[in-house]
Amino acid sequence: MTALTRAATLLVALGVTCAYAADIGHLAPPGGPAEEFPSPQRPVAPIVSPSRSAEEHRDSLNESGEIARRLELKSGMTIGDIGAGSGYHTVRLSRFVGPTGSVVAEDVTREYLVELARRTELLGLTNVIFALGEPHDPRLPASSLDAAILVHMYHEIAQPYAFLYNLAPALKRGARVGIVDLERPTSEHGTPIALLRCELSALGYREIATYQLAGDGGYLAVFSAPDEAGRKSPRDIVACADRAGTR
């Protein structure tokens, strides 16, 4: 039994079901505390909605399918939908990975996860696990994810250096991280690609490729997670300058 399966079983034992998810909680012990890490040297956008735009519009652009293709996602994988919100990608990836795979829907807003749990129950999806995170820590089990996506939410992470640091242990060896955002200031609900590259490299993440998504979908930046040897300690992390790729 994997750490993720044990965590899910524990939540069920505590009464957390897709129908009544009021007690959705953390799946793992806390990682590095927020105060050990630098604060971002740029604005953090407020969380204003669980969904970016109409799902029909996003489907017309094949947003989820394009992300799955670029990240080389496969049936049977465990995918983390970080900042899942209303679950646009959770629902679609649940069907994509099939009964032998799973999707971990993570969010810092409990109400979003409660509504998403109800949605997945109505749709008959049984391979979705719900994880309540914190602004500095997704609280996910170690080596539990084959890939993680952060779609139109990176600019809303209040403590990005701590969050990325605490996300890294949840990624399996060779896992990829896909970040989708718009080429605009973080105060305008986007992240300039140069700034994104700087912030992830400050943690030891390595860029694999960047793609332009169709329509108004923004860009998809794909990174590999830092290995244990390349993982920096919190005190060695230097915050990047606002709207710049230099520190």
C-alpha atoms as a PDB file:
ATOM      1  CA  MET A   1       0.000   0.000   0.000  1.00  0.00           C
ATOM      2  CA  THR A   2       1.455   3.360  -1.034  1.00  0.00           C
ATOM      3  CA  ALA A   3       1.640   6.445   1.190  1.00  0.00           C
ATOM      4  CA  LEU A   4      -1.072   8.058  -0.917  1.00  0.00           C
ATOM      5  CA  THR A   5      -3.360   5.048  -0.581  1.00  0.00           C
ATOM      6  CA  ARG A   6      -2.801   4.949   3.190  1.00  0.00           C
ATOM      7  CA  ALA A   7      -3.630   8.658   3.419  1.00  0.00           C
ATOM      8  CA  ALA A   8      -6.798   8.202   1.380  1.00  0.00           C
ATOM      9  CA  THR A   9      -7.850   5.237   3.522  1.00  0.00           C
ATOM     10  CA  LEU A  10      -7.306   7.301   6.657  1.00  0.00           C
ATOM     11  CA  LEU A  11      -9.509  10.066   5.325  1.00  0.00           C
ATOM     12  CA  VAL A  12     -12.284   7.622   4.523  1.00  0.00           C
ATOM     13  CA  ALA A  13     -11.997   6.204   8.037  1.00  0.00           C
ATOM     14  CA  LEU A  14     -12.454   9.716   9.371  1.00  0.00           C
ATOM     15  CA  GLY A  15     -15.697  10.064   7.482  1.00  0.00           C
ATOM     16  CA  VAL A  16     -14.475  11.923   4.403  1.00  0.00           C
ATOM     17  CA  THR A  17     -16.437  10.698   1.395  1.00  0.00           C
ATOM     18  CA  CYS A  18     -17.199  12.210  -1.965  1.00  0.00           C
ATOM     19  CA  ALA A  19     -20.760  12.825  -0.799  1.00  0.00           C
ATOM     20  CA  TYR A  20     -19.943  14.505   2.515  1.00  0.00           C
ATOM     21  CA  ALA A  21     -16.521  16.087   2.316  1.00  0.00           C
ATOM     22  CA  ALA A  22     -16.838  18.675   5.076  1.00  0.00           C
ATOM     23  CA  ASP A  23     -13.865  17.166   6.910  1.00  0.00           C
ATOM     24  CA  ILE A  24     -11.439  17.184   3.979  1.00  0.00           C
ATOM     25  CA  GLY A  25      -7.956  17.576   5.407  1.00  0.00           C
ATOM     26  CA  HIS A  26      -4.224  17.301   4.857  1.00  0.00           C
ATOM     27  CA  LEU A  27      -2.769  14.115   3.375  1.00  0.00           C
ATOM     28  CA  ALA A  28       0.692  14.458   4.904  1.00  0.00           C
ATOM     29  CA  PRO A  29       2.556  16.051   7.811  1.00  0.00           C
ATOM     30  CA  PRO A  30       3.759  19.642   7.329  1.00  0.00           C
ATOM     31  CA  GLY A  31       6.957  20.365   5.443  1.00  0.00           C
ATOM     32  CA  GLY A  32       9.268  23.327   5.883  1.00  0.00           C
ATOM     33  CA  PRO A  33       7.602  26.192   7.788  1.00  0.00           C
ATOM     34  CA  ALA A  34       6.848  29.381   5.859  1.00  0.00           C
ATOM     35  CA  GLU A  35       9.042  31.600   8.031  1.00  0.00           C
ATOM     36  CA  GLU A  36      12.181  29.765   6.893  1.00  0.00           C
ATOM     37  CA  PHE A  37      11.740  30.931   3.294  1.00  0.00           C
ATOM     38  CA  PRO A  38      12.002  34.318   1.561  1.00  0.00           C
ATOM     39  CA  SER A  39       8.789  36.110   0.637  1.00  0.00           C
ATOM     40  CA  PRO A  40       8.173  36.834  -3.052  1.00  0.00           C
ATOM     41  CA  GLN A  41       9.502  40.205  -4.193  1.00  0.00           C
ATOM     42  CA  ARG A  42       6.407  40.876  -6.290  1.00  0.00           C
ATOM     43  CA  PRO A  43       2.633  41.079  -5.788  1.00  0.00           C
ATOM     44  CA  VAL A  44       0.561  37.981  -5.037  1.00  0.00           C
ATOM     45  CA  ALA A  45      -2.822  37.955  -6.748  1.00  0.00           C
ATOM     46  CA  PRO A  46      -5.892  37.222  -4.595  1.00  0.00           C
ATOM     47  CA  ILE A  47      -7.904  34.044  -5.086  1.00  0.00           C
ATOM     48  CA  VAL A  48     -11.088  35.312  -6.711  1.00  0.00           C
ATOM     49  CA  SER A  49     -12.767  32.281  -8.294  1.00  0.00           C
ATOM     50  CA  PRO A  50     -12.560  28.472  -8.414  1.00  0.00           C
ATOM     51  CA  SER A  51     -12.686  28.598 -12.235  1.00  0.00           C
ATOM     52  CA  ARG A  52     -10.849  30.673 -14.824  1.00  0.00           C
ATOM     53  CA  SER A  53     -13.427  30.648 -17.621  1.00  0.00           C
ATOM     54  CA  ALA A  54     -16.302  28.644 -19.103  1.00  0.00           C
ATOM     55  CA  GLU A  55     -15.493  24.953 -19.426  1.00  0.00           C
ATOM     56  CA  GLU A  56     -17.045  24.813 -22.904  1.00  0.00           C
ATOM     57  CA  HIS A  57     -14.578  27.457 -24.084  1.00  0.00           C
ATOM     58  CA  ARG A  58     -11.639  25.614 -22.564  1.00  0.00           C
ATOM     59  CA  ASP A  59     -12.821  22.372 -24.156  1.00  0.00           C
ATOM     60  CA  SER A  60     -12.988  24.087 -27.550  1.00  0.00           C
ATOM     61  CA  LEU A  61      -9.267  24.838 -27.156  1.00  0.00           C
ATOM     62  CA  ASN A  62      -8.535  21.255 -25.999  1.00  0.00           C
ATOM     63  CA  GLU A  63      -6.763  22.721 -22.970  1.00  0.00           C
ATOM     64  CA  SER A  64      -6.679  19.575 -20.861  1.00  0.00           C
ATOM     65  CA  GLY A  65      -5.772  17.338 -23.786  1.00  0.00           C
ATOM     66  CA  GLU A  66      -2.905  19.589 -24.828  1.00  0.00           C
ATOM     67  CA  ILE A  67      -1.492  19.693 -21.298  1.00  0.00           C
ATOM     68  CA  ALA A  68      -1.731  15.899 -21.058  1.00  0.00           C
ATOM     69  CA  ARG A  69       0.071  15.515 -24.393  1.00  0.00           C
ATOM     70  CA  ARG A  70       2.861  17.957 -23.604  1.00  0.00           C
ATOM     71  CA  LEU A  71       3.461  16.432 -20.167  1.00  0.00           C
ATOM     72  CA  GLU A  72       3.344  12.922 -21.647  1.00  0.00           C
ATOM     73  CA  LEU A  73       0.686  11.811 -19.172  1.00  0.00           C
ATOM     74  CA  LYS A  74      -0.415   8.194 -19.420  1.00  0.00           C
ATOM     75  CA  SER A  75      -3.114   5.866 -18.178  1.00  0.00           C
ATOM     76  CA  GLY A  76      -2.349   4.538 -14.704  1.00  0.00           C
ATOM     77  CA  MET A  77      -0.445   7.609 -13.536  1.00  0.00           C
ATOM     78  CA  THR A  78      -1.129   9.601 -10.376  1.00  0.00           C
ATOM     79  CA  ILE A  79      -1.483  13.275 -11.274  1.00  0.00           C
ATOM     80  CA  GLY A  80      -1.615  16.182  -8.836  1.00  0.00           C
ATOM     81  CA  ASP A  81      -4.028  18.949  -9.825  1.00  0.00           C
ATOM     82  CA  ILE A  82      -2.565  21.680  -7.628  1.00  0.00           C
ATOM     83  CA  GLY A  83      -5.030  24.485  -7.008  1.00  0.00           C
ATOM     84  CA  ALA A  84      -7.811  22.332  -8.435  1.00  0.00           C
ATOM     85  CA  GLY A  85     -10.587  24.870  -7.826  1.00  0.00           C
ATOM     86  CA  SER A  86     -13.823  23.736  -9.474  1.00  0.00           C
ATOM     87  CA  GLY A  87     -12.034  20.722 -10.928  1.00  0.00           C
ATOM     88  CA  TYR A  88     -11.925  21.391 -14.660  1.00  0.00           C
ATOM     89  CA  HIS A  89      -8.734  19.371 -15.058  1.00  0.00           C
ATOM     90  CA  THR A  90      -9.451  16.971 -12.203  1.00  0.00           C
ATOM     91  CA  VAL A  91     -12.564  15.655 -13.940  1.00  0.00           C
ATOM     92  CA  ARG A  92     -10.917  15.290 -17.334  1.00  0.00           C
ATOM     93  CA  LEU A  93      -7.689  13.782 -16.045  1.00  0.00           C
ATOM     94  CA  SER A  94      -9.644  11.336 -13.881  1.00  0.00           C
ATOM     95  CA  ARG A  95     -11.066   9.813 -17.062  1.00  0.00           C
ATOM     96  CA  PHE A  96      -7.714  10.081 -18.828  1.00  0.00           C
ATOM     97  CA  VAL A  97      -5.682   8.110 -16.269  1.00  0.00           C
ATOM     98  CA  GLY A  98      -8.440   5.520 -15.913  1.00  0.00           C
ATOM     99  CA  PRO A  99      -9.276   3.130 -13.076  1.00  0.00           C
ATOM    100  CA  THR A 100      -5.650   2.161 -12.484  1.00  0.00           C
ATOM    101  CA  GLY A 101      -4.601   5.787 -12.095  1.00  0.00           C
ATOM    102  CA  SER A 102      -5.690   8.601  -9.817  1.00  0.00           C
ATOM    103  CA  VAL A 103      -5.907  12.364  -9.552  1.00  0.00           C
ATOM    104  CA  VAL A 104      -5.068  14.200  -6.362  1.00  0.00           C
ATOM    105  CA  ALA A 105      -7.149  17.369  -6.280  1.00  0.00           C
ATOM    106  CA  GLU A 106      -5.307  19.827  -4.002  1.00  0.00           C
ATOM    107  CA  ASP A 107      -6.454  23.274  -2.975  1.00  0.00           C
ATOM    108  CA  VAL A 108      -6.071  25.668  -0.051  1.00  0.00           C
ATOM    109  CA  THR A 109      -9.788  26.523  -0.060  1.00  0.00           C
ATOM    110  CA  ARG A 110     -11.778  23.808   1.690  1.00  0.00           C
ATOM    111  CA  GLU A 111     -15.077  24.912   0.165  1.00  0.00           C
ATOM    112  CA  TYR A 112     -13.736  24.369  -3.337  1.00  0.00           C
ATOM    113  CA  LEU A 113     -12.765  20.808  -2.472  1.00  0.00           C
ATOM    114  CA  VAL A 114     -16.138  20.104  -0.876  1.00  0.00           C
ATOM    115  CA  GLU A 115     -17.943  21.188  -4.049  1.00  0.00           C
ATOM    116  CA  LEU A 116     -15.507  19.264  -6.221  1.00  0.00           C
ATOM    117  CA  ALA A 117     -16.068  16.127  -4.142  1.00  0.00           C
ATOM    118  CA  ARG A 118     -19.789  16.431  -4.744  1.00  0.00           C
ATOM    119  CA  ARG A 119     -19.184  16.965  -8.444  1.00  0.00           C
ATOM    120  CA  THR A 120     -17.018  13.876  -8.803  1.00  0.00           C
ATOM    121  CA  GLU A 121     -19.587  11.790  -6.947  1.00  0.00           C
ATOM    122  CA  LEU A 122     -22.341  12.913  -9.305  1.00  0.00           C
ATOM    123  CA  LEU A 123     -20.113  12.020 -12.251  1.00  0.00           C
ATOM    124  CA  GLY A 124     -19.297   8.610 -10.775  1.00  0.00           C
ATOM    125  CA  LEU A 125     -15.562   9.265 -10.621  1.00  0.00           C
ATOM    126  CA  THR A 126     -13.926   7.008  -8.053  1.00  0.00           C
ATOM    127  CA  ASN A 127     -10.220   7.684  -8.609  1.00  0.00           C
ATOM    128  CA  VAL A 128     -10.048  11.235  -7.231  1.00  0.00           C
ATOM    129  CA  ILE A 129      -8.407  11.945  -3.863  1.00  0.00           C
ATOM    130  CA  PHE A 130      -8.844  15.311  -2.123  1.00  0.00           C
ATOM    131  CA  ALA A 131      -6.047  17.143  -0.350  1.00  0.00           C
ATOM    132  CA  LEU A 132      -6.303  20.353   1.638  1.00  0.00           C
ATOM    133  CA  GLY A 133      -3.093  22.333   1.375  1.00  0.00           C
ATOM    134  CA  GLU A 134      -1.725  25.453   3.007  1.00  0.00           C
ATOM    135  CA  PRO A 135      -0.460  28.636   1.297  1.00  0.00           C
ATOM    136  CA  HIS A 136       3.131  27.483   1.840  1.00  0.00           C
ATOM    137  CA  ASP A 137       2.686  23.700   1.653  1.00  0.00           C
ATOM    138  CA  PRO A 138       0.509  21.383  -0.486  1.00  0.00           C
ATOM    139  CA  ARG A 139       0.712  18.724   2.280  1.00  0.00           C
ATOM    140  CA  LEU A 140       1.068  15.752  -0.085  1.00  0.00           C
ATOM    141  CA  PRO A 141       2.657  12.354   0.695  1.00  0.00           C
ATOM    142  CA  ALA A 142       6.253  11.735  -0.357  1.00  0.00           C
ATOM    143  CA  SER A 143       6.863  10.209  -3.810  1.00  0.00           C
ATOM    144  CA  SER A 144       3.152  10.095  -4.577  1.00  0.00           C
ATOM    145  CA  LEU A 145       2.893  11.966  -7.906  1.00  0.00           C
ATOM    146  CA  ASP A 146       3.978  11.035 -11.435  1.00  0.00           C
ATOM    147  CA  ALA A 147       3.234  14.611 -12.528  1.00  0.00           C
ATOM    148  CA  ALA A 148       1.728  17.817 -11.177  1.00  0.00           C
ATOM    149  CA  ILE A 149      -0.090  20.649 -12.911  1.00  0.00           C
ATOM    150  CA  LEU A 150      -0.581  24.205 -11.648  1.00  0.00           C
ATOM    151  CA  VAL A 151      -3.020  25.872 -14.020  1.00  0.00           C
ATOM    152  CA  HIS A 152      -3.690  29.612 -13.875  1.00  0.00           C
ATOM    153  CA  MET A 153      -2.984  29.722 -10.148  1.00  0.00           C
ATOM    154  CA  TYR A 154       0.764  30.136  -9.671  1.00  0.00           C
ATOM    155  CA  HIS A 155       0.352  33.910  -9.272  1.00  0.00           C
ATOM    156  CA  GLU A 156      -2.017  33.240  -6.335  1.00  0.00           C
ATOM    157  CA  ILE A 157       0.472  31.222  -4.270  1.00  0.00           C
ATOM    158  CA  ALA A 158       1.201  33.410  -1.255  1.00  0.00           C
ATOM    159  CA  GLN A 159       4.526  31.725  -0.411  1.00  0.00           C
ATOM    160  CA  PRO A 160       5.857  30.332  -3.717  1.00  0.00           C
ATOM    161  CA  TYR A 161       9.367  29.450  -2.486  1.00  0.00           C
ATOM    162  CA  ALA A 162       8.074  27.466   0.488  1.00  0.00           C
ATOM    163  CA  PHE A 163       5.303  25.927  -1.625  1.00  0.00           C
ATOM    164  CA  LEU A 164       7.638  24.728  -4.373  1.00  0.00           C
ATOM    165  CA  TYR A 165      10.122  23.440  -1.793  1.00  0.00           C
ATOM    166  CA  ASN A 166       7.404  21.456  -0.021  1.00  0.00           C
ATOM    167  CA  LEU A 167       5.952  20.183  -3.306  1.00  0.00           C
ATOM    168  CA  ALA A 168       9.230  18.647  -4.471  1.00  0.00           C
ATOM    169  CA  PRO A 169       9.229  15.615  -2.074  1.00  0.00           C
ATOM    170  CA  ALA A 170       5.780  14.573  -3.363  1.00  0.00           C
ATOM    171  CA  LEU A 171       7.159  14.138  -6.883  1.00  0.00           C
ATOM    172  CA  LYS A 172       8.488  10.766  -7.963  1.00  0.00           C
ATOM    173  CA  ARG A 173      11.851  10.494  -9.689  1.00  0.00           C
ATOM    174  CA  GLY A 174      11.428  11.757 -13.235  1.00  0.00           C
ATOM    175  CA  ALA A 175       8.120  13.508 -12.515  1.00  0.00           C
ATOM    176  CA  ARG A 176       7.249  16.622 -14.472  1.00  0.00           C
ATOM    177  CA  VAL A 177       5.600  19.816 -13.299  1.00  0.00           C
ATOM    178  CA  GLY A 178       3.470  21.783 -15.754  1.00  0.00           C
ATOM    179  CA  ILE A 179       2.650  25.413 -14.979  1.00  0.00           C
ATOM    180  CA  VAL A 180       0.103  27.277 -17.086  1.00  0.00           C
ATOM    181  CA  ASP A 181      -0.151  31.034 -16.807  1.00  0.00           C
ATOM    182  CA  LEU A 182      -0.433  34.238 -18.807  1.00  0.00           C
ATOM    183  CA  GLU A 183       2.399  36.539 -19.847  1.00  0.00           C
ATOM    184  CA  ARG A 184       1.312  39.436 -17.666  1.00  0.00           C
ATOM    185  CA  PRO A 185       2.201  40.863 -14.210  1.00  0.00           C
ATOM    186  CA  THR A 186       1.271  38.775 -11.166  1.00  0.00           C
ATOM    187  CA  SER A 187      -0.945  41.636  -9.965  1.00  0.00           C
ATOM    188  CA  GLU A 188      -2.994  41.061 -13.141  1.00  0.00           C
ATOM    189  CA  HIS A 189      -3.363  37.301 -12.611  1.00  0.00           C
ATOM    190  CA  GLY A 190      -0.450  36.152 -14.721  1.00  0.00           C
ATOM    191  CA  THR A 191       3.260  35.430 -14.320  1.00  0.00           C
ATOM    192  CA  PRO A 192       5.935  36.716 -16.710  1.00  0.00           C
ATOM    193  CA  ILE A 193       7.781  33.665 -18.005  1.00  0.00           C
ATOM    194  CA  ALA A 194      11.179  35.147 -17.058  1.00  0.00           C
ATOM    195  CA  LEU A 195      10.019  35.563 -13.470  1.00  0.00           C
ATOM    196  CA  LEU A 196       8.584  32.040 -13.385  1.00  0.00           C
ATOM    197  CA  ARG A 197      11.867  30.586 -14.629  1.00  0.00           C
ATOM    198  CA  CYS A 198      13.797  32.549 -12.029  1.00  0.00           C
ATOM    199  CA  GLU A 199      11.583  31.480  -9.117  1.00  0.00           C
ATOM    200  CA  LEU A 200      11.642  27.798 -10.026  1.00  0.00           C
ATOM    201  CA  SER A 201      15.362  27.735 -10.728  1.00  0.00           C
ATOM    202  CA  ALA A 202      15.903  29.319  -7.307  1.00  0.00           C
ATOM    203  CA  LEU A 203      14.573  26.035  -5.886  1.00  0.00           C
ATOM    204  CA  GLY A 204      16.528  23.784  -8.236  1.00  0.00           C
ATOM    205  CA  TYR A 205      13.711  23.002 -10.680  1.00  0.00           C
ATOM    206  CA  ARG A 206      14.979  22.623 -14.268  1.00  0.00           C
ATOM    207  CA  GLU A 207      13.058  23.842 -17.289  1.00  0.00           C
ATOM    208  CA  ILE A 208      12.362  21.222 -19.946  1.00  0.00           C
ATOM    209  CA  ALA A 209      10.287  23.210 -22.455  1.00  0.00           C
ATOM    210  CA  THR A 210       7.760  26.010 -22.831  1.00  0.00           C
ATOM    211  CA  TYR A 211       4.750  25.854 -25.153  1.00  0.00           C
ATOM    212  CA  GLN A 212       2.127  28.363 -26.246  1.00  0.00           C
ATOM    213  CA  LEU A 213      -1.389  27.070 -25.709  1.00  0.00           C
ATOM    214  CA  ALA A 214      -4.216  27.790 -28.142  1.00  0.00           C
ATOM    215  CA  GLY A 215      -6.392  30.889 -27.946  1.00  0.00           C
ATOM    216  CA  ASP A 216      -6.204  32.743 -24.645  1.00  0.00           C
ATOM    217  CA  GLY A 217      -4.797  29.731 -22.796  1.00  0.00           C
ATOM    218  CA  GLY A 218      -1.411  31.304 -22.114  1.00  0.00           C
ATOM    219  CA  TYR A 219       1.804  29.313 -21.909  1.00  0.00           C
ATOM    220  CA  LEU A 220       2.656  25.882 -20.509  1.00  0.00           C
ATOM    221  CA  ALA A 221       6.085  25.729 -18.880  1.00  0.00           C
ATOM    222  CA  VAL A 222       7.337  22.221 -18.085  1.00  0.00           C
ATOM    223  CA  PHE A 223       9.908  21.601 -15.359  1.00  0.00           C
ATOM    224  CA  SER A 224      11.590  18.633 -13.744  1.00  0.00           C
ATOM    225  CA  ALA A 225      11.756  18.523  -9.972  1.00  0.00           C
ATOM    226  CA  PRO A 226      15.044  19.041  -8.141  1.00  0.00           C
ATOM    227  CA  ASP A 227      16.736  15.838  -7.086  1.00  0.00           C
ATOM    228  CA  GLU A 228      17.778  15.436  -3.483  1.00  0.00           C
ATOM    229  CA  ALA A 229      21.354  16.452  -4.206  1.00  0.00           C
ATOM    230  CA  GLY A 230      20.280  19.613  -6.024  1.00  0.00           C
ATOM    231  CA  ARG A 231      17.628  20.660  -3.524  1.00  0.00           C
ATOM    232  CA  LYS A 232      18.634  23.900  -1.821  1.00  0.00           C
ATOM    233  CA  SER A 233      18.137  24.579   1.855  1.00  0.00           C
ATOM    234  CA  PRO A 234      15.638  27.356   2.682  1.00  0.00           C
ATOM    235  CA  ARG A 235      18.392  29.723   3.861  1.00  0.00           C
ATOM    236  CA  ASP A 236      20.156  29.473   0.471  1.00  0.00           C
ATOM    237  CA  ILE A 237      17.107  30.498  -1.564  1.00  0.00           C
ATOM    238  CA  VAL A 238      17.280  34.040  -2.939  1.00  0.00           C
ATOM    239  CA  ALA A 239      14.016  35.715  -3.994  1.00  0.00           C
ATOM    240  CA  CYS A 240      13.778  36.915  -7.582  1.00  0.00           C
ATOM    241  CA  ALA A 241      13.221  40.545  -8.518  1.00  0.00           C
ATOM    242  CA  ASP A 242       9.725  41.703  -9.428  1.00  0.00           C
ATOM    243  CA  ARG A 243       8.866  41.103 -13.114  1.00  0.00           C
ATOM    244  CA  ALA A 244      12.412  40.078 -13.906  1.00  0.00           C
ATOM    245  CA  GLY A 245      14.392  36.959 -14.592  1.00  0.00           C
ATOM    246  CA  THR A 246      17.353  38.142 -12.538  1.00  0.00           C
ATOM    247  CA  ARG A 247      17.936  38.264  -8.794  1.00  0.00           C
END
